[in-house]
Amino acid sequence: MKIQNLELVLYRLPMKSALKWGAVSAMSTADAALVRITLEDGSTGEGEALARPTIYGETLHSFVGIFDLLKPRLIGMDIEDVDGLWKTVQSVANNHTIKGAIDSALWEARFRSRGQDLFAELQGPHKALKVSFILGITDLEGMLQEAREVHAAGVRVLKVKVGRDYQKDLQVIHALKAELPDMDLYADSNETLTPDAAPQILQAMGEAGLLWVEEPLPVHQTRARMELKKLGVLPIIADDSCFTLGQLERELDLDTFDILNIKPPRTGITGSLKMLELAKAAGKRVMIGSQAGNLTSMRHSALIASLEGVDCPSELTFFLKLGGDISGPNPVLQDGHLNLQDLAGLRPDPEKLQQYSIRL
């Protein structure tokens, strides 16, 4: 069964409030693109690419450029040529989320052409997924109020963005623990610490109640990251250091982290499965990140989160941050968990897609 066509639709979703992280990064809308692949028999598959220019350098404009480059290479290829399709998509450097969207769409189309449902066939043993919510940087009361709102919505784990003012960060962490004692907390530093300051700051954060910290040091400071991991002050989550399979192999060889954050929107389903196997073989813990995506990409992320070897809360609640979506309805959280089956039948809604679509 050969690939007949590929389509790209750009759209912009409103957010209830801005998300701020790292030293200067922020987003006030969720810009994305829907990739739809059609096979000769009419079977289709969808994937979502997320524009995160401060992380991956990707924009809606770059999506169009890379999509137009890969489209003629993929048309006519056999949908069952899994290795060949992966190599073709990966023949372009970087541009992680548009490649991840194409790969995920290929998986959907492949299973539908077989008369199967990817969601039913791939899902693992975890049917109730423990989830986390990304709490962005703002003033103390703003962060507390958002934490109260998502707690009321069923969230029981927060990933707290830190890194602009560590005295304020500690104040926020103490306030969150005091007001919401049943809420587990971990931090995402987004590479903002220095090797000299990191041990003391992480020690203070651990004493304040944080479970883990994500990417405390700049990725390029490899030796310092190795030394910080050896100190064992606070378990370290790898994210920015493991965009690709090759980077993950390097980090495993250097032993720089304790927990791997796999993000299917940037590695697709193919790459995510490969990363999970590598992490399991190395004895690493795993969480799944949804990269601030809507329900289309979150559905694929949740599918990977259901697999054996994923044993940490996964970032599957960004829909609580959005003021609209191209799919729906939103799932309902129960005591910190997402029911996998609530996502089983979700497909992009043509009317909603048209509502939020944009032209460059």
Protein backbone atom coordinates (compact mmCIF):
# COMPACT_ATOMS: atom_id res chain seq x y z
CA MET A 1 0.00 0.00 0.00
CA LYS A 2 1.62 3.21 -1.17
CA ILE A 3 1.44 6.77 0.11
CA GLN A 4 -0.77 8.83 -2.19
CA ASN A 5 -0.70 12.30 -0.63
CA LEU A 6 0.42 14.43 2.31
CA GLU A 7 -1.37 17.58 3.53
CA LEU A 8 -0.33 20.27 6.00
CA VAL A 9 -2.76 22.56 7.87
CA LEU A 10 -1.41 25.35 10.09
CA TYR A 11 -3.40 26.51 13.11
CA ARG A 12 -3.13 28.63 16.23
CA LEU A 13 -4.88 27.76 19.49
CA PRO A 14 -5.63 30.29 22.25
CA MET A 15 -4.19 29.78 25.72
CA LYS A 16 -5.85 30.69 29.00
CA SER A 17 -2.61 32.33 30.16
CA ALA A 18 0.96 32.62 28.94
CA LEU A 19 3.55 29.95 29.71
CA LYS A 20 6.98 31.26 30.76
CA TRP A 21 10.06 29.11 31.32
CA GLY A 22 13.84 29.14 31.32
CA ALA A 23 15.76 32.40 31.23
CA VAL A 24 13.57 34.29 28.74
CA SER A 25 11.22 31.87 26.93
CA ALA A 26 7.46 32.42 26.78
CA MET A 27 4.44 31.49 24.66
CA SER A 28 0.95 33.02 24.65
CA THR A 29 -0.57 30.97 21.82
CA ALA A 30 -0.10 27.36 20.79
CA ASP A 31 1.04 27.37 17.16
CA ALA A 32 0.91 23.99 15.46
CA ALA A 33 0.44 22.10 12.22
CA LEU A 34 -1.62 19.05 11.39
CA VAL A 35 -0.02 16.52 9.05
CA ARG A 36 -2.46 14.23 7.25
CA ILE A 37 -1.24 11.28 5.17
CA THR A 38 -3.51 9.51 2.68
CA LEU A 39 -2.83 6.06 1.23
CA GLU A 40 -3.99 4.52 -2.05
CA ASP A 41 -6.92 2.79 -0.34
CA GLY A 42 -8.11 6.04 1.26
CA SER A 43 -6.74 5.27 4.71
CA THR A 44 -5.49 8.36 6.52
CA GLY A 45 -3.29 9.19 9.49
CA GLU A 46 -2.73 12.41 11.45
CA GLY A 47 0.12 13.86 13.46
CA GLU A 48 0.76 17.22 15.08
CA ALA A 49 3.85 19.42 14.87
CA LEU A 50 4.41 22.03 17.58
CA ALA A 51 6.21 25.31 16.89
CA ARG A 52 8.71 25.90 19.72
CA PRO A 53 11.31 28.28 18.24
CA THR A 54 13.21 28.88 21.50
CA ILE A 55 13.74 25.12 21.93
CA TYR A 56 13.97 23.58 18.47
CA GLY A 57 14.18 26.64 16.23
CA GLU A 58 11.00 25.56 14.45
CA THR A 59 8.24 27.91 13.32
CA LEU A 60 5.12 27.61 11.19
CA HIS A 61 7.19 28.85 8.25
CA SER A 62 9.86 26.19 8.78
CA PHE A 63 7.17 23.51 8.97
CA VAL A 64 6.06 24.44 5.46
CA GLY A 65 9.60 24.34 4.11
CA ILE A 66 10.53 20.94 5.53
CA PHE A 67 7.12 19.46 4.71
CA ASP A 68 7.48 20.58 1.08
CA LEU A 69 10.97 19.02 1.01
CA LEU A 70 9.89 15.64 2.39
CA LYS A 71 6.50 15.32 0.68
CA PRO A 72 7.76 14.30 -2.80
CA ARG A 73 10.24 11.86 -1.22
CA LEU A 74 7.49 10.09 0.70
CA ILE A 75 4.76 9.96 -1.97
CA GLY A 76 4.82 6.54 -3.62
CA MET A 77 6.67 4.80 -0.79
CA ASP A 78 5.24 1.58 0.69
CA ILE A 79 3.55 2.29 4.03
CA GLU A 80 4.88 -1.03 5.35
CA ASP A 81 8.51 -0.04 4.67
CA VAL A 82 8.95 1.12 8.26
CA ASP A 83 12.74 1.37 8.17
CA GLY A 84 12.80 3.08 4.79
CA LEU A 85 10.19 5.64 5.84
CA TRP A 86 12.05 6.38 9.09
CA LYS A 87 15.32 6.90 7.21
CA THR A 88 13.61 9.15 4.67
CA VAL A 89 12.05 11.34 7.35
CA GLN A 90 15.33 11.46 9.28
CA SER A 91 17.29 12.40 6.15
CA VAL A 92 16.57 16.01 7.12
CA ALA A 93 18.59 17.32 10.06
CA ASN A 94 16.96 18.87 13.15
CA ASN A 95 13.34 20.02 12.54
CA HIS A 96 12.27 17.54 15.18
CA THR A 97 8.55 18.19 15.62
CA ILE A 98 7.55 18.31 11.95
CA LYS A 99 9.40 15.01 11.47
CA GLY A 100 7.72 13.62 14.61
CA ALA A 101 4.31 14.60 13.25
CA ILE A 102 4.96 12.92 9.91
CA ASP A 103 6.17 9.74 11.63
CA SER A 104 3.11 9.59 13.91
CA ALA A 105 0.79 10.15 10.95
CA LEU A 106 2.52 7.29 9.09
CA TRP A 107 1.81 4.96 12.02
CA GLU A 108 -1.87 5.92 12.10
CA ALA A 109 -2.24 5.41 8.36
CA ARG A 110 -0.37 2.08 8.42
CA PHE A 111 -2.64 0.53 11.01
CA ARG A 112 -5.82 1.89 9.46
CA SER A 113 -4.80 0.39 6.10
CA ARG A 114 -4.53 -2.96 7.87
CA GLY A 115 -8.03 -2.57 9.24
CA GLN A 116 -6.60 -2.06 12.73
CA ASP A 117 -6.67 0.75 15.27
CA LEU A 118 -3.22 1.97 16.30
CA PHE A 119 -4.58 2.98 19.69
CA ALA A 120 -5.96 -0.49 20.40
CA GLU A 121 -2.98 -2.37 18.98
CA LEU A 122 -0.11 -0.41 20.53
CA GLN A 123 -1.38 0.40 24.02
CA GLY A 124 0.45 -1.13 26.96
CA PRO A 125 -0.54 -2.38 30.41
CA HIS A 126 -1.06 1.05 32.02
CA LYS A 127 -4.70 2.08 31.51
CA ALA A 128 -4.82 4.77 34.20
CA LEU A 129 -1.94 7.17 33.51
CA LYS A 130 -0.50 9.29 36.30
CA VAL A 131 -0.11 12.78 34.88
CA SER A 132 1.67 16.05 35.65
CA PHE A 133 0.91 19.67 34.78
CA ILE A 134 3.51 22.22 33.65
CA LEU A 135 3.37 25.25 35.97
CA GLY A 136 4.99 28.21 34.24
CA ILE A 137 6.87 31.11 35.81
CA THR A 138 4.86 34.13 36.95
CA ASP A 139 4.30 35.92 40.26
CA LEU A 140 3.75 33.86 43.39
CA GLU A 141 0.00 34.38 43.61
CA GLY A 142 -0.43 33.66 39.91
CA MET A 143 1.41 30.34 40.24
CA LEU A 144 -0.55 29.41 43.37
CA GLN A 145 -3.86 30.24 41.69
CA GLU A 146 -3.08 28.12 38.63
CA ALA A 147 -1.97 25.28 40.92
CA ARG A 148 -5.28 25.51 42.80
CA GLU A 149 -7.23 25.38 39.54
CA VAL A 150 -5.48 22.33 38.13
CA HIS A 151 -5.63 20.61 41.53
CA ALA A 152 -9.41 21.08 41.43
CA ALA A 153 -9.33 19.57 37.91
CA GLY A 154 -7.67 16.43 39.29
CA VAL A 155 -3.93 17.10 38.88
CA ARG A 156 -1.71 15.72 41.66
CA VAL A 157 1.77 16.31 40.22
CA LEU A 158 3.27 19.65 39.15
CA LYS A 159 6.32 20.26 37.00
CA VAL A 160 7.37 23.68 38.28
CA LYS A 161 9.33 25.89 35.89
CA VAL A 162 12.24 27.54 37.71
CA GLY A 163 15.46 29.34 36.86
CA ARG A 164 14.96 33.10 36.77
CA ASP A 165 15.22 33.79 40.52
CA TYR A 166 16.06 30.84 42.76
CA GLN A 167 15.13 32.59 45.98
CA LYS A 168 11.68 33.17 44.53
CA ASP A 169 11.64 29.58 43.21
CA LEU A 170 12.15 28.24 46.73
CA GLN A 171 9.44 30.54 48.03
CA VAL A 172 7.04 29.17 45.40
CA ILE A 173 7.92 25.57 46.21
CA HIS A 174 7.41 26.10 49.95
CA ALA A 175 4.08 27.85 49.31
CA LEU A 176 2.85 25.08 47.00
CA LYS A 177 3.74 22.36 49.52
CA ALA A 178 2.04 24.28 52.32
CA GLU A 179 -1.19 24.93 50.43
CA LEU A 180 -1.43 21.66 48.46
CA PRO A 181 0.27 19.00 50.61
CA ASP A 182 -1.01 16.13 48.44
CA MET A 183 0.62 17.61 45.32
CA ASP A 184 3.95 16.08 44.27
CA LEU A 185 6.45 18.56 42.82
CA TYR A 186 9.47 18.43 40.55
CA ALA A 187 11.30 21.24 38.79
CA ASP A 188 12.41 22.07 35.27
CA SER A 189 15.42 24.38 35.32
CA ASN A 190 15.83 24.51 31.51
CA GLU A 191 19.65 24.64 31.73
CA THR A 192 19.75 27.80 33.89
CA LEU A 193 22.06 26.77 36.76
CA THR A 194 25.84 27.01 36.91
CA PRO A 195 28.09 24.10 37.94
CA ASP A 196 29.25 25.96 41.05
CA ALA A 197 25.77 26.89 42.29
CA ALA A 198 23.85 23.78 41.26
CA PRO A 199 24.68 21.43 44.17
CA GLN A 200 23.63 23.92 46.85
CA ILE A 201 20.47 25.02 45.02
CA LEU A 202 19.38 21.45 44.30
CA GLN A 203 20.03 20.50 47.91
CA ALA A 204 17.73 23.32 49.03
CA MET A 205 15.08 22.31 46.51
CA GLY A 206 15.19 18.70 47.64
CA GLU A 207 14.81 19.77 51.26
CA ALA A 208 11.83 21.90 50.22
CA GLY A 209 10.12 18.80 48.85
CA LEU A 210 11.04 18.49 45.18
CA LEU A 211 11.32 14.95 43.82
CA TRP A 212 13.51 15.55 40.73
CA VAL A 213 14.99 18.31 38.59
CA GLU A 214 15.05 18.50 34.80
CA GLU A 215 18.16 19.70 32.96
CA PRO A 216 19.69 21.88 35.69
CA LEU A 217 22.88 22.65 33.70
CA PRO A 218 23.51 23.78 30.11
CA VAL A 219 23.66 20.75 27.83
CA HIS A 220 27.06 21.69 26.38
CA GLN A 221 28.67 21.48 29.85
CA THR A 222 28.96 17.72 29.58
CA ARG A 223 31.65 17.12 32.19
CA ALA A 224 29.86 19.28 34.75
CA ARG A 225 26.63 17.38 34.13
CA MET A 226 28.42 14.08 34.68
CA GLU A 227 29.86 15.33 37.97
CA LEU A 228 26.50 16.67 39.16
CA LYS A 229 24.85 13.31 38.46
CA LYS A 230 27.58 11.56 40.46
CA LEU A 231 26.87 13.78 43.48
CA GLY A 232 23.32 12.43 43.63
CA VAL A 233 21.94 15.60 45.22
CA LEU A 234 18.60 15.29 43.37
CA PRO A 235 17.61 12.83 40.63
CA ILE A 236 18.13 14.43 37.22
CA ILE A 237 15.69 14.27 34.31
CA ALA A 238 17.13 14.35 30.78
CA ASP A 239 15.20 16.33 28.18
CA ASP A 240 17.13 18.96 26.20
CA SER A 241 20.17 16.66 26.18
CA CYS A 242 18.25 13.84 24.46
CA PHE A 243 16.44 15.28 21.46
CA THR A 244 17.58 12.37 19.26
CA LEU A 245 18.45 8.70 19.54
CA GLY A 246 22.12 9.48 18.99
CA GLN A 247 22.08 12.02 21.81
CA LEU A 248 20.39 9.52 24.12
CA GLU A 249 23.08 6.94 23.35
CA ARG A 250 25.73 9.54 24.24
CA GLU A 251 24.03 10.48 27.51
CA LEU A 252 23.62 6.84 28.52
CA ASP A 253 27.29 6.23 27.80
CA LEU A 254 28.26 9.22 29.96
CA ASP A 255 25.63 8.42 32.63
CA THR A 256 24.39 12.00 33.01
CA PHE A 257 20.80 11.39 34.17
CA ASP A 258 18.41 9.25 36.22
CA ILE A 259 15.08 9.73 34.41
CA LEU A 260 14.45 10.11 30.67
CA ASN A 261 11.73 12.44 29.39
CA ILE A 262 10.64 11.05 26.01
CA LYS A 263 8.60 13.48 23.91
CA PRO A 264 6.76 11.78 21.03
CA PRO A 265 5.99 15.12 19.32
CA ARG A 266 9.72 15.45 18.59
CA THR A 267 10.71 11.79 18.12
CA GLY A 268 7.50 10.43 16.61
CA ILE A 269 6.24 6.99 17.53
CA THR A 270 9.19 5.20 15.91
CA GLY A 271 11.85 7.17 17.76
CA SER A 272 9.94 7.13 21.04
CA LEU A 273 9.69 3.33 21.02
CA LYS A 274 13.41 3.06 20.29
CA MET A 275 14.23 5.48 23.11
CA LEU A 276 12.05 3.58 25.56
CA GLU A 277 13.84 0.33 24.79
CA LEU A 278 17.26 1.96 25.26
CA ALA A 279 16.23 3.49 28.58
CA LYS A 280 14.76 0.23 29.86
CA ALA A 281 17.90 -1.69 28.92
CA ALA A 282 19.99 0.86 30.82
CA GLY A 283 17.80 0.66 33.93
CA LYS A 284 16.61 4.27 33.66
CA ARG A 285 13.22 5.51 34.78
CA VAL A 286 11.01 7.10 32.12
CA MET A 287 8.34 9.78 31.80
CA ILE A 288 6.53 10.96 28.67
CA GLY A 289 6.32 14.64 27.74
CA SER A 290 3.71 16.12 25.43
CA GLN A 291 5.66 19.30 24.53
CA ALA A 292 2.72 21.68 25.11
CA GLY A 293 0.58 19.96 22.52
CA ASN A 294 -3.18 19.68 22.13
CA LEU A 295 -5.22 16.50 22.21
CA THR A 296 -3.99 15.29 18.79
CA SER A 297 -0.34 14.89 19.79
CA MET A 298 -1.23 14.23 23.44
CA ARG A 299 -3.15 11.13 22.30
CA HIS A 300 0.02 9.66 20.79
CA SER A 301 2.04 10.66 23.87
CA ALA A 302 -0.49 8.95 26.15
CA LEU A 303 -0.25 5.82 24.04
CA ILE A 304 3.51 5.66 24.64
CA ALA A 305 2.95 6.48 28.33
CA SER A 306 0.82 3.35 28.67
CA LEU A 307 3.76 1.07 27.81
CA GLU A 308 5.82 -1.02 30.20
CA GLY A 309 8.86 0.88 31.43
CA VAL A 310 7.16 4.27 31.79
CA ASP A 311 7.05 4.60 35.57
CA CYS A 312 6.99 8.37 36.25
CA PRO A 313 4.12 10.87 35.84
CA SER A 314 3.76 12.06 32.26
CA GLU A 315 3.05 15.56 30.94
CA LEU A 316 -0.37 14.90 29.44
CA THR A 317 -2.46 17.79 30.74
CA PHE A 318 -1.63 20.80 28.56
CA PHE A 319 -5.25 20.74 27.39
CA LEU A 320 -6.02 22.40 30.76
CA LYS A 321 -3.92 25.38 29.60
CA LEU A 322 -5.61 25.77 26.22
CA GLY A 323 -8.61 27.94 25.45
CA GLY A 324 -9.57 25.83 22.44
CA ASP A 325 -8.63 22.67 20.54
CA ILE A 326 -9.06 21.00 17.16
CA SER A 327 -10.32 17.86 18.88
CA GLY A 328 -12.31 17.03 21.97
CA PRO A 329 -13.90 16.69 24.40
CA ASN A 330 -11.22 17.08 27.05
CA PRO A 331 -10.67 14.00 29.21
CA VAL A 332 -11.60 14.13 32.89
CA LEU A 333 -8.87 13.47 35.44
CA GLN A 334 -9.53 11.25 38.42
CA ASP A 335 -7.25 11.66 41.45
CA GLY A 336 -4.23 12.51 39.35
CA HIS A 337 -4.84 9.95 36.61
CA LEU A 338 -5.99 10.03 33.00
CA ASN A 339 -8.12 7.19 31.67
CA LEU A 340 -6.42 6.04 28.47
CA GLN A 341 -9.70 4.95 26.91
CA ASP A 342 -11.05 8.50 27.08
CA LEU A 343 -8.65 9.28 24.23
CA ALA A 344 -9.37 6.23 22.09
CA GLY A 345 -11.84 7.82 19.68
CA LEU A 346 -10.40 11.31 19.43
CA ARG A 347 -9.90 12.63 15.88
CA PRO A 348 -9.38 16.17 14.60
CA ASP A 349 -12.72 17.92 14.08
CA PRO A 350 -12.89 19.48 10.58
CA GLU A 351 -14.97 22.44 11.81
CA LYS A 352 -12.64 23.18 14.70
CA LEU A 353 -9.62 22.79 12.45
CA GLN A 354 -11.10 25.32 10.05
CA GLN A 355 -11.94 27.66 12.95
CA TYR A 356 -8.35 27.81 14.20
CA SER A 357 -6.50 27.40 10.89
CA ILE A 358 -4.30 30.26 9.68
CA ARG A 359 -2.48 31.25 6.51
CA LEU A 360 1.03 32.66 6.45
